[in-house]
Amino acid sequence: MNDAMLKALTKGRVRLGDWTSRRSRDRGQTAVEYLGIIVVVVAIVIAITGTDIGSTIMTAIKNKIAELTG
């Protein structure tokens, strides 16, 4: 094996190692991000169902469906 090929393979191996170590560090962070998204969605659903906005939206949807179906 010549020097150029050895250097290229070593460089690729180092980059692959860096990439895999970064992926393993991100696992916990993504779980926290998903939890945050779920909390936001639940808050929006509670806000819609707990106020008159929910019934207004439901009425508008029913009206549009009735218009489309005739």
PDB file of N, CA and C in Angstrom:
ATOM      1  N   MET A   1       0.851  -1.173   0.000  1.00  0.00           N
ATOM      2  CA  MET A   1       0.000   0.000   0.000  1.00  0.00           C
ATOM      3  C   MET A   1       0.900   1.240   0.000  1.00  0.00           C
ATOM      4  N   ASN A   2       0.594   2.209  -0.844  1.00  0.00           N
ATOM      5  CA  ASN A   2       1.436   3.398  -0.876  1.00  0.00           C
ATOM      6  C   ASN A   2       0.981   4.411   0.174  1.00  0.00           C
ATOM      7  N   ASP A   3       1.779   5.424   0.391  1.00  0.00           N
ATOM      8  CA  ASP A   3       1.499   6.425   1.434  1.00  0.00           C
ATOM      9  C   ASP A   3       0.199   7.183   1.189  1.00  0.00           C
ATOM     10  N   ALA A   4      -0.062   7.547  -0.043  1.00  0.00           N
ATOM     11  CA  ALA A   4      -1.260   8.325  -0.352  1.00  0.00           C
ATOM     12  C   ALA A   4      -2.521   7.545  -0.005  1.00  0.00           C
ATOM     13  N   MET A   5      -2.524   6.262  -0.351  1.00  0.00           N
ATOM     14  CA  MET A   5      -3.695   5.441  -0.058  1.00  0.00           C
ATOM     15  C   MET A   5      -3.854   5.241   1.446  1.00  0.00           C
ATOM     16  N   LEU A   6      -2.766   5.030   2.142  1.00  0.00           N
ATOM     17  CA  LEU A   6      -2.814   4.846   3.585  1.00  0.00           C
ATOM     18  C   LEU A   6      -3.323   6.098   4.281  1.00  0.00           C
ATOM     19  N   LYS A   7      -2.847   7.261   3.830  1.00  0.00           N
ATOM     20  CA  LYS A   7      -3.310   8.530   4.415  1.00  0.00           C
ATOM     21  C   LYS A   7      -4.806   8.733   4.158  1.00  0.00           C
ATOM     22  N   ALA A   8      -5.270   8.409   2.955  1.00  0.00           N
ATOM     23  CA  ALA A   8      -6.683   8.582   2.625  1.00  0.00           C
ATOM     24  C   ALA A   8      -7.556   7.652   3.465  1.00  0.00           C
ATOM     25  N   LEU A   9      -7.135   6.407   3.621  1.00  0.00           N
ATOM     26  CA  LEU A   9      -7.904   5.473   4.432  1.00  0.00           C
ATOM     27  C   LEU A   9      -7.939   5.886   5.893  1.00  0.00           C
ATOM     28  N   THR A  10      -6.800   6.365   6.404  1.00  0.00           N
ATOM     29  CA  THR A  10      -6.746   6.818   7.797  1.00  0.00           C
ATOM     30  C   THR A  10      -7.648   8.020   8.010  1.00  0.00           C
ATOM     31  N   LYS A  11      -7.605   8.956   7.075  1.00  0.00           N
ATOM     32  CA  LYS A  11      -8.453  10.149   7.171  1.00  0.00           C
ATOM     33  C   LYS A  11      -9.936   9.769   7.141  1.00  0.00           C
ATOM     34  N   GLY A  12     -10.309   8.840   6.273  1.00  0.00           N
ATOM     35  CA  GLY A  12     -11.698   8.389   6.205  1.00  0.00           C
ATOM     36  C   GLY A  12     -12.132   7.701   7.477  1.00  0.00           C
ATOM     37  N   ARG A  13     -11.244   6.899   8.049  1.00  0.00           N
ATOM     38  CA  ARG A  13     -11.572   6.197   9.293  1.00  0.00           C
ATOM     39  C   ARG A  13     -11.769   7.185  10.432  1.00  0.00           C
ATOM     40  N   VAL A  14     -10.944   8.219  10.498  1.00  0.00           N
ATOM     41  CA  VAL A  14     -11.077   9.234  11.548  1.00  0.00           C
ATOM     42  C   VAL A  14     -12.395   9.983  11.389  1.00  0.00           C
ATOM     43  N   ARG A  15     -12.739  10.329  10.163  1.00  0.00           N
ATOM     44  CA  ARG A  15     -14.004  11.037   9.940  1.00  0.00           C
ATOM     45  C   ARG A  15     -15.201  10.161  10.277  1.00  0.00           C
ATOM     46  N   LEU A  16     -15.137   8.897   9.944  1.00  0.00           N
ATOM     47  CA  LEU A  16     -16.215   7.972  10.274  1.00  0.00           C
ATOM     48  C   LEU A  16     -16.365   7.846  11.785  1.00  0.00           C
ATOM     49  N   GLY A  17     -15.250   7.781  12.486  1.00  0.00           N
ATOM     50  CA  GLY A  17     -15.289   7.713  13.950  1.00  0.00           C
ATOM     51  C   GLY A  17     -15.896   8.959  14.564  1.00  0.00           C
ATOM     52  N   ASP A  18     -15.553  10.128  14.017  1.00  0.00           N
ATOM     53  CA  ASP A  18     -16.142  11.382  14.505  1.00  0.00           C
ATOM     54  C   ASP A  18     -17.642  11.401  14.282  1.00  0.00           C
ATOM     55  N   TRP A  19     -18.076  10.936  13.106  1.00  0.00           N
ATOM     56  CA  TRP A  19     -19.499  10.948  12.780  1.00  0.00           C
ATOM     57  C   TRP A  19     -20.280  10.026  13.700  1.00  0.00           C
ATOM     58  N   THR A  20     -19.765   8.832  13.951  1.00  0.00           N
ATOM     59  CA  THR A  20     -20.487   7.890  14.807  1.00  0.00           C
ATOM     60  C   THR A  20     -20.513   8.355  16.256  1.00  0.00           C
ATOM     61  N   SER A  21     -19.461   9.014  16.714  1.00  0.00           N
ATOM     62  CA  SER A  21     -19.481   9.499  18.100  1.00  0.00           C
ATOM     63  C   SER A  21     -20.461  10.658  18.249  1.00  0.00           C
ATOM     64  N   ARG A  22     -20.609  11.485  17.215  1.00  0.00           N
ATOM     65  CA  ARG A  22     -21.595  12.574  17.282  1.00  0.00           C
ATOM     66  C   ARG A  22     -23.010  12.031  17.283  1.00  0.00           C
ATOM     67  N   ARG A  23     -23.252  10.982  16.516  1.00  0.00           N
ATOM     68  CA  ARG A  23     -24.592  10.378  16.490  1.00  0.00           C
ATOM     69  C   ARG A  23     -24.982   9.841  17.853  1.00  0.00           C
ATOM     70  N   SER A  24     -24.069   9.221  18.552  1.00  0.00           N
ATOM     71  CA  SER A  24     -24.407   8.636  19.849  1.00  0.00           C
ATOM     72  C   SER A  24     -24.661   9.720  20.889  1.00  0.00           C
ATOM     73  N   ARG A  25     -24.034  10.874  20.757  1.00  0.00           N
ATOM     74  CA  ARG A  25     -24.272  11.958  21.709  1.00  0.00           C
ATOM     75  C   ARG A  25     -25.627  12.613  21.490  1.00  0.00           C
ATOM     76  N   ASP A  26     -26.166  12.532  20.282  1.00  0.00           N
ATOM     77  CA  ASP A  26     -27.424  13.201  19.972  1.00  0.00           C
ATOM     78  C   ASP A  26     -28.647  12.403  20.389  1.00  0.00           C
ATOM     79  N   ARG A  27     -28.486  11.164  20.778  1.00  0.00           N
ATOM     80  CA  ARG A  27     -29.650  10.334  21.087  1.00  0.00           C
ATOM     81  C   ARG A  27     -30.498  10.907  22.209  1.00  0.00           C
ATOM     82  N   GLY A  28     -29.909  11.292  23.311  1.00  0.00           N
ATOM     83  CA  GLY A  28     -30.676  11.834  24.422  1.00  0.00           C
ATOM     84  C   GLY A  28     -31.321  13.153  24.087  1.00  0.00           C
ATOM     85  N   GLN A  29     -30.638  13.946  23.312  1.00  0.00           N
ATOM     86  CA  GLN A  29     -31.170  15.245  22.946  1.00  0.00           C
ATOM     87  C   GLN A  29     -32.428  15.099  22.098  1.00  0.00           C
ATOM     88  N   THR A  30     -32.457  14.178  21.182  1.00  0.00           N
ATOM     89  CA  THR A  30     -33.636  14.038  20.341  1.00  0.00           C
ATOM     90  C   THR A  30     -34.834  13.545  21.149  1.00  0.00           C
ATOM     91  N   ALA A  31     -34.606  12.713  22.144  1.00  0.00           N
ATOM     92  CA  ALA A  31     -35.716  12.265  22.992  1.00  0.00           C
ATOM     93  C   ALA A  31     -36.324  13.446  23.733  1.00  0.00           C
ATOM     94  N   VAL A  32     -35.486  14.351  24.211  1.00  0.00           N
ATOM     95  CA  VAL A  32     -35.984  15.546  24.898  1.00  0.00           C
ATOM     96  C   VAL A  32     -36.738  16.446  23.926  1.00  0.00           C
ATOM     97  N   GLU A  33     -36.246  16.547  22.712  1.00  0.00           N
ATOM     98  CA  GLU A  33     -36.927  17.370  21.711  1.00  0.00           C
ATOM     99  C   GLU A  33     -38.301  16.791  21.373  1.00  0.00           C
ATOM    100  N   TYR A  34     -38.387  15.471  21.216  1.00  0.00           N
ATOM    101  CA  TYR A  34     -39.685  14.850  20.961  1.00  0.00           C
ATOM    102  C   TYR A  34     -40.649  15.078  22.114  1.00  0.00           C
ATOM    103  N   LEU A  35     -40.155  14.995  23.323  1.00  0.00           N
ATOM    104  CA  LEU A  35     -40.996  15.247  24.486  1.00  0.00           C
ATOM    105  C   LEU A  35     -41.508  16.684  24.469  1.00  0.00           C
ATOM    106  N   GLY A  36     -40.653  17.627  24.108  1.00  0.00           N
ATOM    107  CA  GLY A  36     -41.077  19.022  24.011  1.00  0.00           C
ATOM    108  C   GLY A  36     -42.153  19.229  22.968  1.00  0.00           C
ATOM    109  N   ILE A  37     -42.014  18.578  21.830  1.00  0.00           N
ATOM    110  CA  ILE A  37     -43.030  18.686  20.776  1.00  0.00           C
ATOM    111  C   ILE A  37     -44.354  18.106  21.252  1.00  0.00           C
ATOM    112  N   ILE A  38     -44.300  16.970  21.928  1.00  0.00           N
ATOM    113  CA  ILE A  38     -45.520  16.355  22.443  1.00  0.00           C
ATOM    114  C   ILE A  38     -46.206  17.271  23.446  1.00  0.00           C
ATOM    115  N   VAL A  39     -45.430  17.896  24.310  1.00  0.00           N
ATOM    116  CA  VAL A  39     -46.006  18.819  25.297  1.00  0.00           C
ATOM    117  C   VAL A  39     -46.690  19.987  24.607  1.00  0.00           C
ATOM    118  N   VAL A  40     -46.067  20.524  23.577  1.00  0.00           N
ATOM    119  CA  VAL A  40     -46.663  21.655  22.844  1.00  0.00           C
ATOM    120  C   VAL A  40     -47.958  21.228  22.160  1.00  0.00           C
ATOM    121  N   VAL A  41     -47.967  20.057  21.522  1.00  0.00           N
ATOM    122  CA  VAL A  41     -49.168  19.577  20.836  1.00  0.00           C
ATOM    123  C   VAL A  41     -50.293  19.347  21.837  1.00  0.00           C
ATOM    124  N   VAL A  42     -49.976  18.752  22.975  1.00  0.00           N
ATOM    125  CA  VAL A  42     -51.000  18.519  23.999  1.00  0.00           C
ATOM    126  C   VAL A  42     -51.559  19.849  24.508  1.00  0.00           C
ATOM    127  N   ALA A  43     -50.690  20.836  24.699  1.00  0.00           N
ATOM    128  CA  ALA A  43     -51.152  22.151  25.153  1.00  0.00           C
ATOM    129  C   ALA A  43     -52.086  22.787  24.131  1.00  0.00           C
ATOM    130  N   ILE A  44     -51.768  22.643  22.851  1.00  0.00           N
ATOM    131  CA  ILE A  44     -52.635  23.204  21.801  1.00  0.00           C
ATOM    132  C   ILE A  44     -53.981  22.490  21.792  1.00  0.00           C
ATOM    133  N   VAL A  45     -53.973  21.170  21.910  1.00  0.00           N
ATOM    134  CA  VAL A  45     -55.228  20.413  21.909  1.00  0.00           C
ATOM    135  C   VAL A  45     -56.079  20.792  23.106  1.00  0.00           C
ATOM    136  N   ILE A  46     -55.469  20.938  24.269  1.00  0.00           N
ATOM    137  CA  ILE A  46     -56.219  21.340  25.468  1.00  0.00           C
ATOM    138  C   ILE A  46     -56.791  22.740  25.302  1.00  0.00           C
ATOM    139  N   ALA A  47     -56.006  23.640  24.710  1.00  0.00           N
ATOM    140  CA  ALA A  47     -56.492  25.006  24.497  1.00  0.00           C
ATOM    141  C   ALA A  47     -57.667  25.025  23.527  1.00  0.00           C
ATOM    142  N   ILE A  48     -57.602  24.197  22.488  1.00  0.00           N
ATOM    143  CA  ILE A  48     -58.690  24.177  21.506  1.00  0.00           C
ATOM    144  C   ILE A  48     -59.950  23.545  22.089  1.00  0.00           C
ATOM    145  N   THR A  49     -59.798  22.453  22.808  1.00  0.00           N
ATOM    146  CA  THR A  49     -60.985  21.777  23.335  1.00  0.00           C
ATOM    147  C   THR A  49     -61.562  22.486  24.551  1.00  0.00           C
ATOM    148  N   GLY A  50     -60.770  23.267  25.243  1.00  0.00           N
ATOM    149  CA  GLY A  50     -61.252  23.930  26.448  1.00  0.00           C
ATOM    150  C   GLY A  50     -61.870  25.292  26.211  1.00  0.00           C
ATOM    151  N   THR A  51     -61.867  25.765  24.977  1.00  0.00           N
ATOM    152  CA  THR A  51     -62.426  27.089  24.680  1.00  0.00           C
ATOM    153  C   THR A  51     -63.451  26.984  23.561  1.00  0.00           C
ATOM    154  N   ASP A  52     -64.044  28.115  23.216  1.00  0.00           N
ATOM    155  CA  ASP A  52     -65.009  28.159  22.110  1.00  0.00           C
ATOM    156  C   ASP A  52     -64.333  28.059  20.748  1.00  0.00           C
ATOM    157  N   ILE A  53     -63.022  28.209  20.725  1.00  0.00           N
ATOM    158  CA  ILE A  53     -62.311  28.126  19.450  1.00  0.00           C
ATOM    159  C   ILE A  53     -62.497  26.739  18.841  1.00  0.00           C
ATOM    160  N   GLY A  54     -62.480  25.720  19.687  1.00  0.00           N
ATOM    161  CA  GLY A  54     -62.654  24.351  19.201  1.00  0.00           C
ATOM    162  C   GLY A  54     -63.983  24.147  18.507  1.00  0.00           C
ATOM    163  N   SER A  55     -65.054  24.648  19.106  1.00  0.00           N
ATOM    164  CA  SER A  55     -66.375  24.485  18.482  1.00  0.00           C
ATOM    165  C   SER A  55     -66.495  25.337  17.225  1.00  0.00           C
ATOM    166  N   THR A  56     -65.851  26.490  17.200  1.00  0.00           N
ATOM    167  CA  THR A  56     -65.862  27.336  16.003  1.00  0.00           C
ATOM    168  C   THR A  56     -65.150  26.644  14.852  1.00  0.00           C
ATOM    169  N   ILE A  57     -64.010  26.043  15.154  1.00  0.00           N
ATOM    170  CA  ILE A  57     -63.263  25.318  14.119  1.00  0.00           C
ATOM    171  C   ILE A  57     -64.066  24.120  13.626  1.00  0.00           C
ATOM    172  N   MET A  58     -64.667  23.380  14.546  1.00  0.00           N
ATOM    173  CA  MET A  58     -65.466  22.216  14.172  1.00  0.00           C
ATOM    174  C   MET A  58     -66.637  22.616  13.289  1.00  0.00           C
ATOM    175  N   THR A  59     -67.315  23.700  13.621  1.00  0.00           N
ATOM    176  CA  THR A  59     -68.440  24.184  12.815  1.00  0.00           C
ATOM    177  C   THR A  59     -67.978  24.577  11.419  1.00  0.00           C
ATOM    178  N   ALA A  60     -66.843  25.270  11.335  1.00  0.00           N
ATOM    179  CA  ALA A  60     -66.318  25.680  10.030  1.00  0.00           C
ATOM    180  C   ALA A  60     -65.957  24.467   9.182  1.00  0.00           C
ATOM    181  N   ILE A  61     -65.361  23.461   9.796  1.00  0.00           N
ATOM    182  CA  ILE A  61     -65.005  22.240   9.054  1.00  0.00           C
ATOM    183  C   ILE A  61     -66.248  21.532   8.555  1.00  0.00           C
ATOM    184  N   LYS A  62     -67.256  21.411   9.410  1.00  0.00           N
ATOM    185  CA  LYS A  62     -68.505  20.754   9.019  1.00  0.00           C
ATOM    186  C   LYS A  62     -69.182  21.511   7.881  1.00  0.00           C
ATOM    187  N   ASN A  63     -69.159  22.850   7.933  1.00  0.00           N
ATOM    188  CA  ASN A  63     -69.755  23.659   6.871  1.00  0.00           C
ATOM    189  C   ASN A  63     -69.042  23.450   5.546  1.00  0.00           C
ATOM    190  N   LYS A  64     -67.710  23.395   5.575  1.00  0.00           N
ATOM    191  CA  LYS A  64     -66.951  23.198   4.327  1.00  0.00           C
ATOM    192  C   LYS A  64     -67.195  21.800   3.761  1.00  0.00           C
ATOM    193  N   ILE A  65     -67.286  20.799   4.629  1.00  0.00           N
ATOM    194  CA  ILE A  65     -67.586  19.446   4.158  1.00  0.00           C
ATOM    195  C   ILE A  65     -68.973  19.387   3.535  1.00  0.00           C
ATOM    196  N   ALA A  66     -69.926  20.072   4.161  1.00  0.00           N
ATOM    197  CA  ALA A  66     -71.290  20.107   3.618  1.00  0.00           C
ATOM    198  C   ALA A  66     -71.309  20.805   2.255  1.00  0.00           C
ATOM    199  N   GLU A  67     -70.502  21.864   2.104  1.00  0.00           N
ATOM    200  CA  GLU A  67     -70.434  22.559   0.798  1.00  0.00           C
ATOM    201  C   GLU A  67     -69.857  21.636  -0.271  1.00  0.00           C
ATOM    202  N   LEU A  68     -68.842  20.869   0.089  1.00  0.00           N
ATOM    203  CA  LEU A  68     -68.199  20.001  -0.906  1.00  0.00           C
ATOM    204  C   LEU A  68     -69.071  18.817  -1.298  1.00  0.00           C
ATOM    205  N   THR A  69     -69.793  18.280  -0.332  1.00  0.00           N
ATOM    206  CA  THR A  69     -70.599  17.096  -0.632  1.00  0.00           C
ATOM    207  C   THR A  69     -71.986  17.447  -1.186  1.00  0.00           C
ATOM    208  N   GLY A  70     -72.373  18.692  -1.038  1.00  0.00           N
ATOM    209  CA  GLY A  70     -73.632  19.134  -1.641  1.00  0.00           C
ATOM    210  C   GLY A  70     -74.763  18.891  -0.761  1.00  0.00           C
TER     211      GLY A  70
END
